[in-house]
Amino acid sequence: MASTPAFSAENGAGFYLLGGKGPAAAITPPPGVYFQNDLWIYSGNLGGGRSLPRGGQVAVGVDGHAVLAAPTFLWVLPEEFLGGHVGLAATIPFGWMKTSADLTLTGPGGGVLGGNVEDTVFTIGDPLVGGLLGWESGNFHWQLGTLINIPVGDYQEGELSNIAFHHWGIDVSAGATWLDPTIGLDLSGVIGMTFNAENPATDYRTGNELHFEWAAVQHFNETFDAGLVGYVYQQVTGDSGEGATLGDFKGRAFGIGATVGWNFKVGELPVSARVKYFHEFGTRNRAEGDSVFLTISLPLSITKPVNIAAQ
């Protein structure tokens, strides 16, 4: 399903949530309506007295913790288009975030505003809308996708903690999955690029962000699977605007982890649950930490496919 809201860039974060993709990332479900909720739990820090542009200020010695939910509805259309199926998705993230800093600075000279600053928020983020176009041939599945950040969430200017990003953004991606049901092996990869507009509240424009996510999972039966997951993040163009007082501030991060999936039924309703854990390393200009995804997905209705060519 559509990915959801990542810790470089303004606030050390982008609206594309690293690790959101995983096993079966490029498999388009049958036509119908689906619901998925991702619960993302993150804890990390900048460390080493390093600086981070945050809330229109420069924060030093940042620690961040977050628990965010991203409920998503996905509608896969029954009609075929270019030999594949189109999916439309919408997500409204919300949750809790706590950010602390040893001190905050502002102005060209970096004047000290305060020390031991802490900010906590529980609110709604920017909604996201997305689309996908997916195909399959035997064991091979491939998909094109896009995700748009709409800046209408609860953004608090000047605060350290914000779930909303207060700027437009678009992410485009391409993914592939090879799933052999005879041996139960799933190999998936998704590469994408995030393009950001300027935040008018801080005059800060985050540069373009390249991300790649991968998964290698073994299905032991129809109920249980387990394997490895990971991601690579690299900001390819620098930050800009009057608010980019730390220069281009290009970020980088690597993540490695494990995943376990479990399929079960509630009555006659099939439900899929998945846990993913990631440990970050090799970061630059970003917080470095650990994250856990708890995902539940289920179909709300299944529609019989329509082959327009056959009609």
Protein backbone atom coordinates (compact mmCIF):
# COMPACT_ATOMS: atom_id res chain seq x y z
CA MET A 1 0.00 0.00 0.00
CA ALA A 2 1.01 3.64 -0.22
CA SER A 3 3.96 4.63 1.88
CA THR A 4 3.43 7.08 4.63
CA PRO A 5 5.30 9.99 6.34
CA ALA A 6 11.75 10.33 7.52
CA PHE A 7 14.37 11.73 9.81
CA SER A 8 18.73 15.71 6.93
CA ALA A 9 16.62 18.26 5.44
CA GLU A 10 14.72 20.79 7.52
CA ASN A 11 13.86 19.32 10.93
CA GLY A 12 16.11 16.39 10.02
CA ALA A 13 13.04 14.82 8.40
CA GLY A 14 11.22 14.30 5.13
CA PHE A 15 7.60 13.39 4.53
CA TYR A 16 8.53 10.06 2.91
CA LEU A 17 8.88 7.58 5.77
CA LEU A 18 11.96 5.39 5.33
CA GLY A 19 11.17 1.74 5.92
CA GLY A 20 7.54 2.12 4.90
CA LYS A 21 8.08 -0.31 2.03
CA GLY A 22 9.02 -3.95 2.62
CA PRO A 23 8.13 -7.48 1.49
CA ALA A 24 5.76 -7.70 -1.50
CA ALA A 25 6.34 -3.96 -2.05
CA ALA A 26 5.52 -4.08 -5.77
CA ILE A 27 2.60 -6.54 -5.64
CA THR A 28 -0.65 -4.79 -6.54
CA PRO A 29 -3.60 -6.37 -4.71
CA PRO A 30 -6.73 -7.44 -6.60
CA PRO A 31 -9.26 -4.71 -7.43
CA GLY A 32 -11.10 -3.58 -4.33
CA VAL A 33 -10.88 -1.32 -1.29
CA TYR A 34 -8.26 -1.93 1.41
CA PHE A 35 -7.33 -0.47 4.77
CA GLN A 36 -3.89 -0.39 6.33
CA ASN A 37 -2.54 1.22 9.46
CA ASP A 38 1.17 1.68 10.13
CA LEU A 39 2.22 2.48 13.68
CA TRP A 40 5.76 3.92 13.60
CA ILE A 41 7.81 4.11 16.80
CA TYR A 42 11.11 6.00 16.58
CA SER A 43 13.87 7.05 18.97
CA GLY A 44 17.08 8.76 17.89
CA ASN A 45 19.54 11.56 18.53
CA LEU A 46 21.93 13.79 16.64
CA GLY A 47 24.78 13.38 19.13
CA GLY A 48 28.20 14.96 19.29
CA GLY A 49 26.90 18.50 19.79
CA ARG A 50 25.93 18.63 16.12
CA SER A 51 23.37 21.13 14.81
CA LEU A 52 20.02 20.60 13.12
CA PRO A 53 17.71 23.18 11.47
CA ARG A 54 14.42 22.81 13.31
CA GLY A 55 11.40 25.05 13.79
CA GLY A 56 13.09 27.98 12.03
CA GLN A 57 16.00 27.79 14.49
CA VAL A 58 19.22 25.85 14.82
CA ALA A 59 19.04 23.18 17.52
CA VAL A 60 22.16 21.62 19.06
CA GLY A 61 22.30 18.22 20.78
CA VAL A 62 18.89 17.01 19.60
CA ASP A 63 17.04 13.96 20.92
CA GLY A 64 13.82 12.88 19.24
CA HIS A 65 11.08 10.37 20.02
CA ALA A 66 7.90 9.75 18.06
CA VAL A 67 4.89 7.45 17.90
CA LEU A 68 2.93 8.07 14.73
CA ALA A 69 -0.06 6.33 13.16
CA ALA A 70 -0.72 6.43 9.43
CA PRO A 71 -4.16 5.03 8.53
CA THR A 72 -4.42 4.52 4.78
CA PHE A 73 -7.27 3.66 2.43
CA LEU A 74 -6.39 2.15 -0.95
CA TRP A 75 -8.79 1.72 -3.87
CA VAL A 76 -7.59 -0.53 -6.71
CA LEU A 77 -9.74 0.08 -9.79
CA PRO A 78 -11.20 -2.91 -11.65
CA GLU A 79 -10.45 -1.48 -15.09
CA GLU A 80 -7.11 -2.25 -16.72
CA PHE A 81 -4.85 0.60 -17.85
CA LEU A 82 -1.78 -0.02 -20.02
CA GLY A 83 -2.06 -3.68 -19.10
CA GLY A 84 -1.95 -3.03 -15.35
CA HIS A 85 -4.15 -1.82 -12.51
CA VAL A 86 -4.40 1.64 -11.00
CA GLY A 87 -4.59 2.25 -7.26
CA LEU A 88 -5.52 5.47 -5.44
CA ALA A 89 -4.63 6.03 -1.79
CA ALA A 90 -5.12 8.58 0.98
CA THR A 91 -3.39 8.83 4.37
CA ILE A 92 -3.95 11.14 7.35
CA PRO A 93 -1.07 10.71 9.83
CA PHE A 94 -1.35 11.68 13.47
CA GLY A 95 0.54 11.01 16.66
CA TRP A 96 2.95 12.10 19.38
CA MET A 97 6.41 13.62 19.10
CA LYS A 98 8.87 14.80 21.73
CA THR A 99 12.01 16.77 20.86
CA SER A 100 14.66 18.10 23.21
CA ALA A 101 17.78 20.14 22.53
CA ASP A 102 20.77 21.18 24.63
CA LEU A 103 20.35 24.70 23.24
CA THR A 104 18.83 26.60 20.33
CA LEU A 105 20.41 29.31 18.20
CA THR A 106 19.10 31.91 15.78
CA GLY A 107 20.34 34.68 13.53
CA PRO A 108 23.46 34.94 11.35
CA GLY A 109 25.65 35.13 14.44
CA GLY A 110 23.99 32.15 16.08
CA GLY A 111 22.78 33.93 19.20
CA VAL A 112 21.72 31.61 22.02
CA LEU A 113 17.96 31.55 22.55
CA GLY A 114 17.78 28.97 25.30
CA GLY A 115 19.25 25.85 26.84
CA ASN A 116 17.74 22.47 27.63
CA VAL A 117 14.67 23.15 25.47
CA GLU A 118 11.94 20.50 25.24
CA ASP A 119 8.81 20.43 23.10
CA THR A 120 6.06 17.78 23.02
CA VAL A 121 3.10 17.60 20.66
CA PHE A 122 0.18 15.28 19.93
CA THR A 123 -1.59 16.34 16.76
CA ILE A 124 -2.45 15.65 13.13
CA GLY A 125 0.07 15.81 10.28
CA ASP A 126 -0.20 16.70 6.61
CA PRO A 127 -2.52 14.40 4.65
CA LEU A 128 -1.00 12.46 1.78
CA VAL A 129 -2.58 11.25 -1.44
CA GLY A 130 -0.97 8.70 -3.72
CA GLY A 131 -1.36 6.65 -6.83
CA LEU A 132 0.15 3.49 -8.26
CA LEU A 133 0.15 1.51 -11.47
CA GLY A 134 1.09 -2.15 -11.14
CA TRP A 135 1.70 -5.12 -13.42
CA GLU A 136 2.58 -8.78 -13.02
CA SER A 137 3.93 -11.61 -15.14
CA GLY A 138 4.32 -15.00 -13.46
CA ASN A 139 6.44 -14.57 -10.33
CA PHE A 140 7.53 -11.06 -11.31
CA HIS A 141 5.61 -7.95 -10.20
CA TRP A 142 6.50 -4.33 -10.87
CA GLN A 143 4.93 -1.01 -9.95
CA LEU A 144 5.18 2.76 -10.43
CA GLY A 145 3.98 5.02 -7.64
CA THR A 146 3.63 8.62 -6.51
CA LEU A 147 2.90 10.28 -3.18
CA ILE A 148 1.94 13.93 -2.59
CA ASN A 149 2.23 15.82 0.71
CA ILE A 150 -0.57 18.39 1.15
CA PRO A 151 0.48 21.13 3.64
CA VAL A 152 -2.73 21.58 5.64
CA GLY A 153 -1.79 19.71 8.84
CA ASP A 154 -1.29 21.26 12.27
CA TYR A 155 2.04 23.08 11.92
CA GLN A 156 3.28 25.19 14.84
CA GLU A 157 5.73 27.82 13.64
CA GLY A 158 8.82 28.14 15.81
CA GLU A 159 8.29 24.87 17.72
CA LEU A 160 10.87 22.06 17.84
CA SER A 161 8.27 19.29 17.40
CA ASN A 162 6.11 19.23 14.29
CA ILE A 163 4.40 16.31 12.61
CA ALA A 164 3.23 18.49 9.70
CA PHE A 165 5.84 19.76 7.22
CA HIS A 166 4.08 22.94 5.99
CA HIS A 167 5.25 22.55 2.40
CA TRP A 168 4.19 20.76 -0.75
CA GLY A 169 6.16 17.71 -1.78
CA ILE A 170 5.97 14.84 -4.22
CA ASP A 171 7.65 11.45 -4.20
CA VAL A 172 7.94 9.24 -7.29
CA SER A 173 9.06 5.63 -7.10
CA ALA A 174 9.51 2.37 -9.02
CA GLY A 175 9.50 -1.04 -7.41
CA ALA A 176 9.86 -4.72 -8.27
CA THR A 177 9.05 -7.95 -6.44
CA TRP A 178 9.98 -11.52 -7.34
CA LEU A 179 7.82 -13.96 -5.40
CA ASP A 180 8.12 -17.70 -6.03
CA PRO A 181 5.21 -19.44 -4.29
CA THR A 182 6.78 -22.89 -4.76
CA ILE A 183 9.75 -22.06 -2.53
CA GLY A 184 8.20 -19.11 -0.65
CA LEU A 185 10.97 -16.61 -1.42
CA ASP A 186 10.17 -12.89 -1.73
CA LEU A 187 12.79 -10.44 -3.02
CA SER A 188 11.60 -6.81 -3.22
CA GLY A 189 13.17 -3.43 -3.93
CA VAL A 190 11.84 0.12 -4.34
CA ILE A 191 13.78 3.19 -5.49
CA GLY A 192 12.36 6.68 -5.33
CA MET A 193 13.03 10.41 -5.30
CA THR A 194 11.38 13.06 -3.12
CA PHE A 195 11.02 16.64 -4.40
CA ASN A 196 10.21 19.37 -1.86
CA ALA A 197 8.80 22.89 -2.15
CA GLU A 198 9.78 25.69 0.24
CA ASN A 199 8.34 26.01 3.72
CA PRO A 200 6.92 29.58 3.66
CA ALA A 201 7.04 29.85 7.47
CA THR A 202 10.82 29.32 7.64
CA ASP A 203 11.94 30.18 4.07
CA TYR A 204 13.58 26.75 4.00
CA ARG A 205 13.58 24.41 0.99
CA THR A 206 14.79 20.86 1.50
CA GLY A 207 16.79 19.39 -1.38
CA ASN A 208 15.86 16.34 -3.44
CA GLU A 209 16.07 13.05 -1.52
CA LEU A 210 16.93 9.65 -3.04
CA HIS A 211 15.85 6.51 -1.19
CA PHE A 212 16.11 2.77 -1.81
CA GLU A 213 14.39 0.10 0.27
CA TRP A 214 14.80 -3.67 0.01
CA ALA A 215 13.48 -6.86 1.57
CA ALA A 216 14.41 -10.55 1.43
CA VAL A 217 11.79 -12.73 3.08
CA GLN A 218 11.11 -16.46 3.35
CA HIS A 219 7.49 -17.65 3.61
CA PHE A 220 7.46 -20.82 5.70
CA ASN A 221 3.75 -21.44 5.10
CA GLU A 222 0.63 -19.44 4.27
CA THR A 223 0.60 -17.99 7.78
CA PHE A 224 4.15 -17.05 8.74
CA ASP A 225 7.18 -15.38 7.10
CA ALA A 226 10.42 -13.78 8.29
CA GLY A 227 13.45 -12.11 6.74
CA LEU A 228 15.70 -9.06 6.41
CA VAL A 229 14.87 -5.48 5.45
CA GLY A 230 16.91 -2.33 4.90
CA TYR A 231 17.14 1.07 3.28
CA VAL A 232 19.62 3.61 1.90
CA TYR A 233 18.95 7.35 1.98
CA GLN A 234 21.00 10.06 0.25
CA GLN A 235 20.09 13.70 -0.25
CA VAL A 236 21.30 14.50 -3.78
CA THR A 237 20.79 18.29 -3.87
CA GLY A 238 21.42 20.78 -1.09
CA ASP A 239 18.92 22.67 1.05
CA SER A 240 18.29 26.28 0.05
CA GLY A 241 16.41 29.44 0.97
CA GLU A 242 17.01 32.18 3.52
CA GLY A 243 16.29 29.78 6.35
CA ALA A 244 19.03 27.32 5.34
CA THR A 245 21.61 28.86 7.69
CA LEU A 246 23.63 25.62 7.88
CA GLY A 247 24.27 25.52 4.13
CA ASP A 248 23.28 22.67 1.84
CA PHE A 249 23.04 20.25 4.81
CA LYS A 250 22.92 17.12 2.63
CA GLY A 251 21.93 14.06 4.61
CA ARG A 252 22.71 10.35 4.42
CA ALA A 253 21.53 7.28 6.29
CA PHE A 254 21.57 3.50 6.16
CA GLY A 255 19.15 1.19 7.89
CA ILE A 256 19.22 -2.58 8.45
CA GLY A 257 16.75 -4.76 10.27
CA ALA A 258 14.42 -7.74 10.37
CA THR A 259 10.76 -8.42 9.76
CA VAL A 260 8.13 -10.98 10.73
CA GLY A 261 4.76 -11.37 9.03
CA TRP A 262 1.65 -13.20 10.17
CA ASN A 263 -1.57 -13.84 8.23
CA PHE A 264 -4.74 -14.81 10.07
CA LYS A 265 -8.52 -14.50 9.91
CA VAL A 266 -11.03 -12.67 12.06
CA GLY A 267 -14.13 -14.66 11.25
CA GLU A 268 -13.98 -14.83 7.46
CA LEU A 269 -11.97 -11.61 7.14
CA PRO A 270 -8.31 -12.12 6.13
CA VAL A 271 -5.89 -9.90 8.07
CA SER A 272 -2.16 -9.39 7.56
CA ALA A 273 0.10 -8.23 10.39
CA ARG A 274 3.77 -7.30 10.10
CA VAL A 275 6.52 -6.09 12.43
CA LYS A 276 9.65 -4.40 11.04
CA TYR A 277 12.65 -3.23 13.07
CA PHE A 278 15.39 -0.94 11.70
CA HIS A 279 18.71 0.18 13.17
CA GLU A 280 20.29 3.22 11.52
CA PHE A 281 24.01 3.71 10.96
CA GLY A 282 26.39 5.80 8.85
CA THR A 283 24.15 8.85 9.16
CA ARG A 284 25.15 12.38 8.26
CA ASN A 285 23.15 15.54 9.06
CA ARG A 286 20.32 13.42 10.45
CA ALA A 287 19.26 11.90 13.70
CA GLU A 288 20.46 8.30 14.10
CA GLY A 289 18.32 5.80 15.94
CA ASP A 290 16.01 2.81 15.89
CA SER A 291 12.48 2.41 14.57
CA VAL A 292 9.73 -0.19 14.72
CA PHE A 293 6.79 -0.53 12.34
CA LEU A 294 3.63 -2.34 13.42
CA THR A 295 1.37 -2.84 10.39
CA ILE A 296 -2.15 -4.20 10.07
CA SER A 297 -3.84 -4.48 6.65
CA LEU A 298 -7.11 -5.98 5.49
CA PRO A 299 -9.53 -5.86 2.54
CA LEU A 300 -12.80 -3.98 2.97
CA SER A 301 -14.21 -5.23 -0.34
CA ILE A 302 -12.97 -7.13 -3.39
CA THR A 303 -14.13 -6.19 -6.91
CA LYS A 304 -14.19 -8.49 -9.92
CA PRO A 305 -11.58 -7.30 -12.49
CA VAL A 306 -12.82 -5.73 -15.73
CA ASN A 307 -10.89 -6.28 -18.96
CA ILE A 308 -11.79 -3.36 -21.22
CA ALA A 309 -9.89 -4.87 -24.17
CA ALA A 310 -12.08 -7.98 -24.00
CA GLN A 311 -15.22 -5.87 -24.20
